[in-house]
């Protein structure tokens, strides 16, 4: 068991390393081409808002709630029932996210004021951030569905594909910064469209692998389905836990919006350095160990559950 977990963790870490190094390249390109000014401040706020919600809901509460329910169905139900769970959760989550996305696009000026109230003192920066947010907000829909499909793949032992998927975000953003931005009147606006393209690309990238597992979703709205209700019930405590760290980041950005132009950008660059070891080691171990713990819990095997948890803590 330990060898299998170590191999999976190493796989996720190596894929994450590729993504993180490419992310550093992306940020170096940002700094070189755009520096730390009004355009980058506007973009980092416009990207942070859907990213904040992604981390809070999709990769935070939802992933922590969905994987245990999926693992339970995987251990105790038929393949047809497992596929039905995916259909129901995808349809219900997708429709809710679509509604949230529509509200977010329409309410972009209000969201900018909430997340970066200091920008209201600079009308041009405020207007640019609002325009960017209307382009970046749909990223929440695409990346949340990507997190769902990634949870399915991780639970089926296909760790490499979800771990490699973030690389596509960096590739799209580098293309937008280097080749697309010169064609825009406001070059930083190209970065917002890069985020939109990255969301679509990441979701499409994982679909063929779901098809190989015969688990390609057929979305259906089924709010009252037992599996959906179980996921929603588990999301509540996970949502509270995820919100603490994310609210801290929100307050950082809020305070920086009142400081001199460039402050939001400086904060972003420094935060990226802090996140490197967290993503490389902590997130990789958590991604691998959650499906295994969920599987042992579903199989009512407290001894193996304890062994897996002990292994994770030792690492």
Protein backbone atom coordinates (compact mmCIF):
# COMPACT_ATOMS: atom_id res chain seq x y z
CA UNK A 1 0.00 0.00 0.00
CA UNK A 2 2.76 2.45 0.98
CA UNK A 3 4.62 1.87 -2.29
CA UNK A 4 1.44 2.48 -4.31
CA UNK A 5 0.68 5.68 -2.40
CA UNK A 6 4.27 6.87 -2.71
CA UNK A 7 4.21 6.21 -6.45
CA UNK A 8 0.93 8.11 -6.85
CA UNK A 9 2.19 10.99 -4.72
CA UNK A 10 5.41 11.14 -6.74
CA UNK A 11 3.37 11.22 -9.95
CA UNK A 12 1.20 14.09 -8.74
CA UNK A 13 4.25 15.95 -7.36
CA UNK A 14 6.15 15.63 -10.64
CA UNK A 15 3.17 16.85 -12.67
CA UNK A 16 2.63 19.65 -10.16
CA UNK A 17 6.32 20.57 -10.42
CA UNK A 18 5.95 20.98 -14.19
CA UNK A 19 2.89 23.16 -13.65
CA UNK A 20 4.53 25.27 -10.93
CA UNK A 21 7.75 25.84 -12.87
CA UNK A 22 5.72 26.82 -15.92
CA UNK A 23 3.68 29.06 -13.62
CA UNK A 24 6.89 30.82 -12.57
CA UNK A 25 7.76 31.31 -16.24
CA UNK A 26 4.28 32.75 -16.78
CA UNK A 27 4.68 35.18 -13.86
CA UNK A 28 8.15 36.21 -15.06
CA UNK A 29 6.58 37.01 -18.44
CA UNK A 30 3.84 39.03 -16.72
CA UNK A 31 6.46 40.98 -14.77
CA UNK A 32 8.63 41.54 -17.84
CA UNK A 33 5.87 42.55 -20.27
CA UNK A 34 3.34 44.25 -17.98
CA UNK A 35 5.27 45.09 -14.80
CA UNK A 36 3.27 46.15 -11.74
CA UNK A 37 0.79 48.78 -12.82
CA UNK A 38 -2.89 49.56 -13.24
CA UNK A 39 -3.37 46.88 -15.94
CA UNK A 40 -1.87 44.05 -13.88
CA UNK A 41 -3.63 45.23 -10.72
CA UNK A 42 -6.94 45.10 -12.59
CA UNK A 43 -6.23 41.66 -14.03
CA UNK A 44 -5.08 40.09 -10.76
CA UNK A 45 -8.27 41.27 -9.03
CA UNK A 46 -10.44 40.12 -11.97
CA UNK A 47 -8.76 36.72 -11.85
CA UNK A 48 -8.72 36.43 -8.07
CA UNK A 49 -12.51 36.74 -7.75
CA UNK A 50 -13.43 33.58 -9.77
CA UNK A 51 -10.26 31.92 -8.42
CA UNK A 52 -11.40 32.69 -4.87
CA UNK A 53 -14.75 31.03 -5.54
CA UNK A 54 -13.05 28.11 -7.30
CA UNK A 55 -10.85 27.39 -4.31
CA UNK A 56 -13.73 27.87 -1.92
CA UNK A 57 -16.30 25.72 -3.70
CA UNK A 58 -14.80 23.59 -6.48
CA UNK A 59 -11.37 22.53 -5.24
CA UNK A 60 -12.26 23.09 -1.62
CA UNK A 61 -15.67 22.09 -0.31
CA UNK A 62 -16.95 20.28 -3.40
CA UNK A 63 -13.91 18.06 -3.99
CA UNK A 64 -13.74 17.13 -0.31
CA UNK A 65 -17.44 16.21 -0.35
CA UNK A 66 -17.71 14.54 -3.77
CA UNK A 67 -14.72 12.17 -3.60
CA UNK A 68 -15.91 10.30 -0.44
CA UNK A 69 -19.42 9.85 -1.89
CA UNK A 70 -17.99 8.72 -5.23
CA UNK A 71 -15.67 6.26 -3.46
CA UNK A 72 -18.62 4.88 -1.47
CA UNK A 73 -20.61 4.30 -4.64
CA UNK A 74 -17.52 2.83 -6.30
CA UNK A 75 -17.10 0.29 -3.48
CA UNK A 76 -20.74 -0.57 -2.83
CA UNK A 77 -22.77 0.12 -5.98
CA UNK A 78 -22.84 -1.02 -9.60
CA UNK A 79 -21.11 0.82 -12.45
CA UNK A 80 -24.52 2.02 -13.68
CA UNK A 81 -25.35 3.57 -10.30
CA UNK A 82 -21.89 5.17 -10.17
CA UNK A 83 -22.43 6.67 -13.63
CA UNK A 84 -25.86 7.90 -12.57
CA UNK A 85 -24.30 9.68 -9.57
CA UNK A 86 -21.90 11.51 -11.90
CA UNK A 87 -24.78 12.46 -14.22
CA UNK A 88 -26.83 13.83 -11.33
CA UNK A 89 -24.02 15.75 -9.64
CA UNK A 90 -22.75 17.18 -12.95
CA UNK A 91 -26.21 18.35 -14.01
CA UNK A 92 -27.12 19.84 -10.64
CA UNK A 93 -23.76 21.47 -10.02
CA UNK A 94 -23.52 22.67 -13.63
CA UNK A 95 -26.90 24.42 -13.57
CA UNK A 96 -26.17 26.07 -10.21
CA UNK A 97 -22.79 27.25 -11.49
CA UNK A 98 -24.34 28.54 -14.71
CA UNK A 99 -26.77 30.66 -12.68
CA UNK A 100 -23.95 31.94 -10.43
CA UNK A 101 -21.88 32.77 -13.51
CA UNK A 102 -24.72 34.77 -15.07
CA UNK A 103 -25.20 36.72 -11.84
CA UNK A 104 -21.45 37.28 -11.53
CA UNK A 105 -21.16 38.69 -15.05
CA UNK A 106 -24.12 41.03 -14.53
CA UNK A 107 -23.02 42.10 -11.06
CA UNK A 108 -19.33 42.57 -12.00
CA UNK A 109 -19.20 46.26 -10.89
CA UNK A 110 -20.57 45.33 -7.46
CA UNK A 111 -18.14 42.41 -7.06
CA UNK A 112 -15.18 44.63 -7.93
CA UNK A 113 -16.32 47.13 -5.33
CA UNK A 114 -16.61 44.35 -2.70
CA UNK A 115 -13.26 42.69 -3.46
CA UNK A 116 -11.24 45.85 -4.26
CA UNK A 117 -13.12 48.89 -2.93
CA UNK A 118 -10.01 51.07 -3.24
CA UNK A 119 -10.29 50.86 -7.04
CA UNK A 120 -13.47 52.99 -6.87
CA UNK A 121 -11.22 56.01 -6.31
CA UNK A 122 -9.66 55.44 -9.76
CA UNK A 123 -12.50 55.27 -12.36
CA UNK A 124 -10.33 54.00 -15.23
CA UNK A 125 -8.86 51.14 -13.18
CA UNK A 126 -12.31 50.31 -11.79
CA UNK A 127 -13.84 50.19 -15.30
CA UNK A 128 -10.98 48.03 -16.64
CA UNK A 129 -11.29 45.58 -13.73
CA UNK A 130 -15.06 45.32 -14.31
CA UNK A 131 -14.58 44.62 -18.02
CA UNK A 132 -11.96 41.98 -17.25
CA UNK A 133 -14.13 40.31 -14.61
CA UNK A 134 -16.97 39.87 -17.12
CA UNK A 135 -14.53 37.84 -19.24
CA UNK A 136 -12.86 35.88 -16.43
CA UNK A 137 -15.93 35.02 -14.33
CA UNK A 138 -17.08 32.09 -16.56
CA UNK A 139 -13.77 30.45 -15.60
CA UNK A 140 -15.56 29.48 -12.37
CA UNK A 141 -18.03 27.34 -14.32
CA UNK A 142 -15.40 25.62 -16.45
CA UNK A 143 -12.84 24.99 -13.70
CA UNK A 144 -15.48 23.71 -11.25
CA UNK A 145 -16.60 21.10 -13.78
CA UNK A 146 -12.92 20.34 -14.37
CA UNK A 147 -12.50 19.77 -10.61
CA UNK A 148 -15.46 17.37 -10.71
CA UNK A 149 -14.02 15.35 -13.58
CA UNK A 150 -10.61 15.46 -11.89
CA UNK A 151 -12.15 14.04 -8.72
CA UNK A 152 -13.56 11.14 -10.75
CA UNK A 153 -10.19 10.45 -12.37
CA UNK A 154 -8.32 10.66 -9.04
CA UNK A 155 -10.80 8.26 -7.44
CA UNK A 156 -10.18 5.83 -10.29
CA UNK A 157 -6.41 6.03 -9.75
CA UNK A 158 -5.75 8.27 -12.80
CA UNK A 159 -3.77 10.91 -10.92
CA UNK A 160 -1.47 12.10 -13.70
CA UNK A 161 -4.15 13.67 -15.93
CA UNK A 162 -5.76 15.96 -13.29
CA UNK A 163 -2.30 16.89 -12.00
CA UNK A 164 -1.13 17.80 -15.50
CA UNK A 165 -4.28 19.77 -16.37
CA UNK A 166 -3.16 23.05 -14.68
CA UNK A 167 -0.23 23.15 -17.11
CA UNK A 168 -2.76 24.10 -19.78
CA UNK A 169 -3.69 27.23 -17.82
CA UNK A 170 -0.08 28.36 -17.88
CA UNK A 171 0.29 27.57 -21.58
CA UNK A 172 -2.86 29.55 -22.46
CA UNK A 173 -1.76 32.49 -20.32
CA UNK A 174 1.74 32.60 -21.82
CA UNK A 175 0.26 32.56 -25.34
CA UNK A 176 -2.13 35.36 -24.37
CA UNK A 177 0.65 37.48 -22.84
CA UNK A 178 3.26 37.03 -25.57
CA UNK A 179 1.30 36.72 -28.81
CA UNK A 180 -2.26 37.97 -28.21
CA UNK A 181 -1.69 41.01 -25.97
CA UNK A 182 0.04 43.16 -28.64
CA UNK A 183 -3.20 43.09 -30.67
CA UNK A 184 -5.27 44.66 -27.85
CA UNK A 185 -5.66 48.38 -27.23
CA UNK A 186 -5.32 47.54 -23.52
CA UNK A 187 -2.75 44.68 -23.60
CA UNK A 188 -3.60 43.34 -20.14
CA UNK A 189 -7.14 42.62 -21.41
CA UNK A 190 -5.66 39.70 -23.38
CA UNK A 191 -4.84 38.01 -20.07
CA UNK A 192 -8.54 37.94 -19.18
CA UNK A 193 -9.34 36.18 -22.45
CA UNK A 194 -6.46 33.80 -21.73
CA UNK A 195 -8.20 32.79 -18.49
CA UNK A 196 -11.46 32.14 -20.36
CA UNK A 197 -9.67 30.00 -22.98
CA UNK A 198 -7.79 28.11 -20.25
CA UNK A 199 -11.02 27.16 -18.48
CA UNK A 200 -12.51 25.67 -21.65
CA UNK A 201 -9.25 23.92 -22.59
CA UNK A 202 -8.77 22.28 -19.18
CA UNK A 203 -12.30 20.88 -19.17
CA UNK A 204 -12.07 19.51 -22.72
CA UNK A 205 -8.67 17.94 -21.96
CA UNK A 206 -10.11 15.58 -19.33
CA UNK A 207 -13.20 14.44 -21.24
CA UNK A 208 -11.48 11.73 -23.38
CA UNK A 209 -10.13 10.07 -20.23
CA UNK A 210 -13.60 9.96 -18.68
CA UNK A 211 -14.82 8.38 -21.88
CA UNK A 212 -12.16 5.67 -21.55
CA UNK A 213 -13.51 4.85 -18.09
CA UNK A 214 -17.07 4.84 -19.48
CA UNK A 215 -17.96 7.59 -17.01
CA UNK A 216 -18.60 10.49 -19.38
CA UNK A 217 -21.30 12.64 -17.72
CA UNK A 218 -24.81 12.99 -19.15
CA UNK A 219 -25.87 15.99 -17.05
CA UNK A 220 -29.28 15.84 -15.36
CA UNK A 221 -30.88 18.16 -12.82
CA UNK A 222 -31.76 15.96 -9.81
CA UNK A 223 -31.61 18.14 -6.72
CA UNK A 224 -33.37 15.63 -4.47
CA UNK A 225 -31.35 12.56 -5.53
CA UNK A 226 -29.78 10.83 -2.46
CA UNK A 227 -26.23 11.06 -3.84
CA UNK A 228 -26.57 14.78 -4.59
CA UNK A 229 -28.01 15.47 -1.15
CA UNK A 230 -25.19 13.50 0.46
CA UNK A 231 -22.61 15.60 -1.39
CA UNK A 232 -24.37 18.85 -0.40
CA UNK A 233 -24.56 17.74 3.24
CA UNK A 234 -20.83 16.99 3.34
CA UNK A 235 -20.05 20.32 1.65
CA UNK A 236 -21.25 22.44 4.59
CA UNK A 237 -18.44 21.70 7.10
CA UNK A 238 -15.88 21.56 4.26
CA UNK A 239 -17.09 24.96 3.02
CA UNK A 240 -16.47 26.46 6.46
CA UNK A 241 -12.97 24.96 6.62
CA UNK A 242 -12.03 26.12 3.12
CA UNK A 243 -13.36 29.62 3.68
CA UNK A 244 -10.90 30.54 6.44
CA UNK A 245 -7.76 30.59 4.28
CA UNK A 246 -9.57 32.07 1.29
CA UNK A 247 -11.08 34.93 3.29
CA UNK A 248 -7.55 35.81 4.44
CA UNK A 249 -6.52 36.18 0.80
CA UNK A 250 -9.62 38.26 0.14
CA UNK A 251 -8.74 40.66 2.96
CA UNK A 252 -5.16 40.96 1.65
CA UNK A 253 -6.42 42.05 -1.78
CA UNK A 254 -9.03 44.36 -0.26
CA UNK A 255 -6.39 46.18 1.79
CA UNK A 256 -3.93 46.33 -1.11
CA UNK A 257 -6.57 47.99 -3.31
CA UNK A 258 -6.30 51.12 -1.10
CA UNK A 259 -2.52 51.34 -1.53
CA UNK A 260 -0.49 52.75 -4.40
CA UNK A 261 -0.91 51.33 -7.90
CA UNK A 262 1.11 48.13 -8.20
CA UNK A 263 0.45 46.92 -4.65
CA UNK A 264 -1.99 44.21 -5.77
CA UNK A 265 0.59 42.99 -8.29
CA UNK A 266 3.40 42.88 -5.72
CA UNK A 267 1.14 40.92 -3.38
CA UNK A 268 0.30 38.46 -6.16
CA UNK A 269 3.94 37.80 -7.05
CA UNK A 270 4.96 37.20 -3.42
CA UNK A 271 1.96 34.96 -2.80
CA UNK A 272 2.98 32.79 -5.77
CA UNK A 273 6.33 32.12 -4.08
CA UNK A 274 4.59 31.00 -0.89
CA UNK A 275 2.25 28.66 -2.77
CA UNK A 276 5.04 26.78 -4.55
CA UNK A 277 5.98 24.35 -1.72
CA UNK A 278 2.34 24.05 -0.62
CA UNK A 279 1.25 22.87 -4.06
CA UNK A 280 4.28 20.68 -4.65
CA UNK A 281 4.11 18.68 -1.43
CA UNK A 282 0.99 19.34 0.67
CA UNK A 283 -1.58 19.46 -2.14
CA UNK A 284 -0.03 16.45 -3.91
CA UNK A 285 -0.23 14.29 -0.78
CA UNK A 286 -3.78 15.43 -0.02
CA UNK A 287 -4.92 14.68 -3.59
CA UNK A 288 -3.59 11.13 -3.43
CA UNK A 289 -4.58 10.22 0.11
CA UNK A 290 -8.23 11.40 0.05
CA UNK A 291 -9.56 8.74 -2.40
CA UNK A 292 -7.70 6.02 -0.49
CA UNK A 293 -9.06 7.11 2.88
CA UNK A 294 -12.55 7.38 1.39
CA UNK A 295 -12.29 3.89 -0.12
CA UNK A 296 -11.19 2.32 3.20
CA UNK A 297 -13.98 4.14 5.03
CA UNK A 298 -16.57 2.91 2.51
CA UNK A 299 -15.23 -0.65 2.85
CA UNK A 300 -15.52 -0.38 6.66
CA UNK A 301 -11.81 -1.09 7.10
CA UNK A 302 -10.66 1.04 10.06
CA UNK A 303 -7.28 -0.71 10.24
CA UNK A 304 -6.32 0.16 6.65
CA UNK A 305 -7.80 3.64 7.11
CA UNK A 306 -5.53 4.16 10.12
CA UNK A 307 -2.48 2.77 8.29
CA UNK A 308 -3.06 5.13 5.36
CA UNK A 309 -3.53 8.13 7.63
CA UNK A 310 -0.38 7.23 9.60
CA UNK A 311 1.58 6.96 6.34
CA UNK A 312 0.37 10.39 5.25
CA UNK A 313 1.25 12.02 8.56
CA UNK A 314 4.74 10.48 8.52
CA UNK A 315 5.38 11.87 5.05
